[in-house]
C-alpha cells in the first residue's frame, strides 16, 4: 500500500472514496467533484473489458468510479489543465490503478493526434455546463475552465466522442435541461443518436435541473425516457435511490 504523504503537494487534501479502498487527491483552490459525477458514473453502462475514454477528467473521479464497478476496464482520461492532469496522475499512482487508467494532459479538440480512432466502447464526459460569455467568469482559471466553455464547446466534445467510439458504442454526458435541445442537435450533427434520457430533480416538486444523456454512434432513432431521478425528499434528505447509488460506490 502506498504512503499517501508521498503523493500530496502542499495545500492538497486526500478524500476517501469508500470504494475499493481508493482515495482521491483534491485541491481546495481547484474544481472538486460533486454529486453530478456520482450520478453520471451510475448512469453509464460499464462492464469488464470495456475500453473507456473520459473527456475532461478533472480530478479523475469518473474513471475511478467506473473502475470501482468494473475493475477490468481500461480508461484513457483527457485533461487540458496541467495542474489538474498532474494531480489526477498522482491519484492513479496512489491507488495503483495506473496500469488501467492513463491521464493525458492534452486538449480534447486535438484528440485525433494522440488517441486511436474508433476503438472505444464508452466515452463519458461531465462537460462545462455554461456556454462561453453567457455568465460571468470565475476569477479562478481552474474553476472557469470546469464550469464554462472557455477551452472547448459542446460541439468539440461531440466531435471528439464520435472520433473515438466504435460504431454502435455509447457516449454519456450530463447537461442542464436548458441545453437539451442544443445537445440533441449537436449530437446528431456528429452521428450520435440520443437513445436514453433521465431527468434529475432536486426534489419531486421542482422542475428538472439536469439531464443524463446516452447517445450511440451510427444507430437509428428511438429514445427511451427513464423515470426521473429525485435527489432530495421533502425533508431535505437524500432519497433512497440516491443513498443506494452512493452505497454502490
Protein backbone atom coordinates (compact mmCIF):
# COMPACT_ATOMS: atom_id res chain seq x y z
CA UNK A 1 0.00 0.00 0.00
CA UNK A 2 1.36 3.39 -1.00
CA UNK A 3 2.04 6.08 1.58
CA UNK A 4 -0.39 8.96 0.83
CA UNK A 5 2.04 11.61 2.07
CA UNK A 6 4.38 10.69 -0.77
CA UNK A 7 1.76 11.83 -3.30
CA UNK A 8 0.41 15.04 -1.76
CA UNK A 9 1.62 18.52 -2.63
CA UNK A 10 1.32 21.48 -0.22
CA UNK A 11 -2.28 22.63 0.20
CA UNK A 12 -3.81 19.44 -1.21
CA UNK A 13 -6.09 17.06 0.63
CA UNK A 14 -6.89 13.37 0.35
CA UNK A 15 -10.54 12.24 0.25
CA UNK A 16 -11.64 8.66 0.86
CA UNK A 17 -13.99 7.46 -1.88
CA UNK A 18 -15.10 4.50 0.25
CA UNK A 19 -14.79 2.44 -2.90
CA UNK A 20 -12.31 -0.42 -3.20
CA UNK A 21 -10.05 1.39 -0.75
CA UNK A 22 -9.42 4.20 -3.23
CA UNK A 23 -8.66 7.81 -2.37
CA UNK A 24 -8.57 10.94 -4.49
CA UNK A 25 -6.27 13.94 -4.32
CA UNK A 26 -8.06 17.29 -4.45
CA UNK A 27 -7.11 20.94 -4.11
CA UNK A 28 -9.34 23.45 -2.29
CA UNK A 29 -8.36 26.03 -4.92
CA UNK A 30 -9.41 23.94 -7.92
CA UNK A 31 -12.54 22.21 -9.15
CA UNK A 32 -13.61 19.36 -6.85
CA UNK A 33 -16.00 16.62 -7.84
CA UNK A 34 -19.64 16.76 -6.77
CA UNK A 35 -22.75 14.58 -6.76
CA UNK A 36 -23.09 15.20 -10.50
CA UNK A 37 -20.08 12.96 -11.16
CA UNK A 38 -21.50 10.20 -8.97
CA UNK A 39 -24.87 10.30 -10.76
CA UNK A 40 -23.22 10.32 -14.19
CA UNK A 41 -21.00 7.35 -13.36
CA UNK A 42 -24.03 5.45 -12.11
CA UNK A 43 -25.95 6.24 -15.31
CA UNK A 44 -23.16 4.92 -17.53
CA UNK A 45 -23.40 1.28 -18.51
CA UNK A 46 -19.93 -0.11 -17.87
CA UNK A 47 -18.73 -3.69 -17.74
CA UNK A 48 -15.43 -5.53 -17.53
CA UNK A 49 -13.29 -5.47 -20.65
CA UNK A 50 -14.56 -2.13 -21.92
CA UNK A 51 -12.20 0.45 -23.34
CA UNK A 52 -13.32 3.82 -21.94
CA UNK A 53 -12.37 7.45 -22.53
CA UNK A 54 -13.16 10.32 -20.15
CA UNK A 55 -13.08 13.73 -21.81
CA UNK A 56 -12.15 16.47 -19.33
CA UNK A 57 -11.35 14.21 -16.40
CA UNK A 58 -10.51 16.96 -13.89
CA UNK A 59 -9.74 15.16 -10.62
CA UNK A 60 -10.02 11.77 -12.31
CA UNK A 61 -13.18 10.94 -10.41
CA UNK A 62 -15.17 9.37 -13.27
CA UNK A 63 -12.51 6.78 -14.21
CA UNK A 64 -12.16 5.83 -10.54
CA UNK A 65 -15.91 5.41 -10.08
CA UNK A 66 -16.20 3.33 -13.24
CA UNK A 67 -13.19 1.24 -12.25
CA UNK A 68 -14.84 0.60 -8.90
CA UNK A 69 -17.74 -1.04 -10.72
CA UNK A 70 -15.73 -2.91 -13.35
CA UNK A 71 -12.10 -3.45 -12.45
CA UNK A 72 -11.12 -4.92 -15.80
CA UNK A 73 -11.81 -1.80 -17.82
CA UNK A 74 -9.09 0.35 -19.29
CA UNK A 75 -9.57 4.11 -19.43
CA UNK A 76 -7.83 6.99 -21.19
CA UNK A 77 -8.59 10.24 -19.38
CA UNK A 78 -8.00 13.61 -21.05
CA UNK A 79 -7.47 16.86 -19.15
CA UNK A 80 -6.27 20.19 -20.58
CA UNK A 81 -5.25 21.82 -17.29
CA UNK A 82 -1.69 20.87 -16.38
CA UNK A 83 -2.13 21.04 -12.60
CA UNK A 84 -5.34 19.01 -12.68
CA UNK A 85 -3.89 16.38 -15.01
CA UNK A 86 -0.78 16.01 -12.88
CA UNK A 87 -2.92 15.69 -9.76
CA UNK A 88 -5.07 13.02 -11.42
CA UNK A 89 -1.94 11.13 -12.49
CA UNK A 90 -0.72 11.08 -8.89
CA UNK A 91 -4.15 9.86 -7.78
CA UNK A 92 -3.92 6.92 -10.18
CA UNK A 93 -0.43 6.03 -8.95
CA UNK A 94 -1.53 6.35 -5.32
CA UNK A 95 -4.37 3.89 -5.93
CA UNK A 96 -2.16 1.61 -8.00
CA UNK A 97 -4.54 1.75 -10.95
CA UNK A 98 -2.16 3.50 -13.36
CA UNK A 99 -1.93 0.22 -15.29
CA UNK A 100 -5.66 0.59 -16.03
CA UNK A 101 -6.21 4.37 -16.13
CA UNK A 102 -3.94 6.72 -18.07
CA UNK A 103 -4.22 10.50 -17.80
CA UNK A 104 -3.24 12.65 -20.80
CA UNK A 105 -2.56 16.35 -20.34
CA UNK A 106 -3.97 17.27 -23.72
CA UNK A 107 -6.62 19.38 -25.43
CA UNK A 108 -9.59 17.16 -26.34
CA UNK A 109 -10.00 19.21 -29.52
CA UNK A 110 -6.77 17.56 -30.71
CA UNK A 111 -7.81 14.04 -29.75
CA UNK A 112 -7.09 12.71 -33.24
CA UNK A 113 -3.42 13.37 -32.66
CA UNK A 114 -2.96 11.20 -29.58
CA UNK A 115 -5.80 8.67 -29.22
CA UNK A 116 -6.94 5.98 -31.68
CA UNK A 117 -9.96 6.26 -33.95
CA UNK A 118 -12.99 4.01 -33.41
CA UNK A 119 -11.55 1.90 -30.59
CA UNK A 120 -13.66 2.86 -27.55
CA UNK A 121 -16.74 1.13 -26.16
CA UNK A 122 -17.73 4.05 -23.94
CA UNK A 123 -16.93 7.76 -23.89
CA UNK A 124 -18.02 9.74 -20.84
CA UNK A 125 -17.97 13.46 -20.15
CA UNK A 126 -19.17 15.82 -17.45
CA UNK A 127 -18.72 18.96 -19.56
CA UNK A 128 -18.78 22.64 -18.63
CA UNK A 129 -22.45 23.48 -18.12
CA UNK A 130 -22.37 27.11 -19.29
CA UNK A 131 -21.68 28.39 -22.82
CA UNK A 132 -18.84 30.88 -23.13
CA UNK A 133 -19.76 34.51 -22.37
CA UNK A 134 -23.23 33.55 -21.09
CA UNK A 135 -22.22 34.24 -17.48
CA UNK A 136 -19.50 35.97 -15.51
CA UNK A 137 -16.24 34.04 -15.43
CA UNK A 138 -14.75 32.95 -12.16
CA UNK A 139 -11.51 34.81 -11.39
CA UNK A 140 -10.01 31.36 -10.74
CA UNK A 141 -8.99 29.95 -14.17
CA UNK A 142 -9.27 26.36 -12.94
CA UNK A 143 -12.89 26.90 -11.93
CA UNK A 144 -13.83 28.88 -15.04
CA UNK A 145 -12.50 26.12 -17.31
CA UNK A 146 -14.52 23.49 -15.43
CA UNK A 147 -17.76 25.48 -15.40
CA UNK A 148 -17.80 27.45 -18.65
CA UNK A 149 -16.86 26.60 -22.24
CA UNK A 150 -13.62 28.59 -22.29
CA UNK A 151 -11.48 25.75 -23.71
CA UNK A 152 -14.00 23.62 -25.62
CA UNK A 153 -17.62 23.67 -26.75
CA UNK A 154 -20.29 21.01 -26.75
CA UNK A 155 -19.62 20.63 -30.47
CA UNK A 156 -15.92 19.98 -29.78
CA UNK A 157 -16.81 17.33 -27.22
CA UNK A 158 -19.30 15.57 -29.51
CA UNK A 159 -16.78 15.59 -32.35
CA UNK A 160 -14.15 14.02 -30.11
CA UNK A 161 -16.57 11.35 -28.88
CA UNK A 162 -17.63 10.45 -32.43
CA UNK A 163 -13.97 10.08 -33.45
CA UNK A 164 -13.18 7.79 -30.52
CA UNK A 165 -16.19 5.48 -30.47
CA UNK A 166 -16.70 2.19 -32.20
CA UNK A 167 -19.85 2.01 -34.31
CA UNK A 168 -22.94 1.47 -32.11
CA UNK A 169 -21.00 2.31 -28.95
CA UNK A 170 -22.09 4.79 -26.30
CA UNK A 171 -21.41 8.37 -25.29
CA UNK A 172 -22.80 9.53 -21.93
CA UNK A 173 -22.88 13.05 -20.56
CA UNK A 174 -24.74 15.34 -18.19
CA UNK A 175 -26.05 18.80 -19.04
CA UNK A 176 -28.53 21.39 -17.77
CA UNK A 177 -32.00 20.77 -19.15
CA UNK A 178 -31.92 24.27 -20.66
CA UNK A 179 -29.36 22.97 -23.16
CA UNK A 180 -31.16 19.75 -24.04
CA UNK A 181 -32.43 20.83 -27.48
CA UNK A 182 -28.99 22.19 -28.35
CA UNK A 183 -27.40 18.96 -27.13
CA UNK A 184 -29.63 16.71 -29.27
CA UNK A 185 -28.97 18.82 -32.36
CA UNK A 186 -25.23 18.84 -31.76
CA UNK A 187 -25.02 15.13 -31.09
CA UNK A 188 -26.91 14.28 -34.28
CA UNK A 189 -24.58 16.50 -36.31
CA UNK A 190 -21.85 14.06 -35.28
CA UNK A 191 -23.86 10.86 -35.94
CA UNK A 192 -24.56 10.41 -32.24
CA UNK A 193 -28.21 9.48 -31.75
CA UNK A 194 -29.78 10.16 -28.34
CA UNK A 195 -31.08 6.81 -27.07
CA UNK A 196 -31.58 7.16 -23.32
CA UNK A 197 -32.53 10.18 -21.20
CA UNK A 198 -33.06 10.69 -17.49
CA UNK A 199 -34.03 13.93 -15.80
CA UNK A 200 -32.55 14.87 -12.43
CA UNK A 201 -34.79 16.79 -10.00
CA UNK A 202 -33.56 18.44 -6.80
CA UNK A 203 -36.91 17.47 -5.22
CA UNK A 204 -40.07 15.82 -6.52
CA UNK A 205 -41.90 19.14 -6.73
CA UNK A 206 -39.17 21.10 -8.51
CA UNK A 207 -38.53 21.10 -12.27
CA UNK A 208 -35.63 19.05 -13.56
CA UNK A 209 -32.37 20.98 -13.49
CA UNK A 210 -30.07 18.43 -15.13
CA UNK A 211 -30.36 15.68 -17.73
CA UNK A 212 -28.37 12.48 -18.09
CA UNK A 213 -27.97 11.60 -21.77
CA UNK A 214 -26.80 8.45 -23.52
CA UNK A 215 -26.19 8.58 -27.27
CA UNK A 216 -24.97 5.90 -29.66
CA UNK A 217 -22.87 6.23 -32.78
CA UNK A 218 -24.43 5.35 -36.15
CA UNK A 219 -27.78 3.93 -34.99
CA UNK A 220 -31.42 4.61 -35.81
CA UNK A 221 -33.55 6.99 -33.74
CA UNK A 222 -35.56 5.78 -30.78
CA UNK A 223 -35.36 7.50 -27.42
CA UNK A 224 -36.17 5.96 -24.03
CA UNK A 225 -37.01 8.45 -21.26
CA UNK A 226 -36.35 6.79 -17.93
CA UNK A 227 -38.10 7.53 -14.64
CA UNK A 228 -36.93 10.79 -13.03
CA UNK A 229 -34.12 10.78 -10.51
CA UNK A 230 -35.14 12.69 -7.37
CA UNK A 231 -32.19 13.82 -5.25
CA UNK A 232 -33.86 15.05 -2.02
CA UNK A 233 -37.11 14.21 -0.23
CA UNK A 234 -39.49 16.78 1.29
CA UNK A 235 -37.38 16.92 4.46
CA UNK A 236 -34.22 17.69 2.52
CA UNK A 237 -32.67 14.26 2.99
CA UNK A 238 -31.17 12.14 0.24
CA UNK A 239 -33.77 9.88 -1.36
CA UNK A 240 -33.44 6.13 -1.04
CA UNK A 241 -32.29 5.88 -4.65
CA UNK A 242 -29.50 8.41 -4.14
CA UNK A 243 -28.45 6.61 -0.96
CA UNK A 244 -28.35 3.37 -2.93
CA UNK A 245 -26.24 4.96 -5.66
CA UNK A 246 -23.72 6.14 -3.06
CA UNK A 247 -23.85 2.77 -1.34
CA UNK A 248 -22.98 1.04 -4.61
CA UNK A 249 -19.81 3.07 -5.00
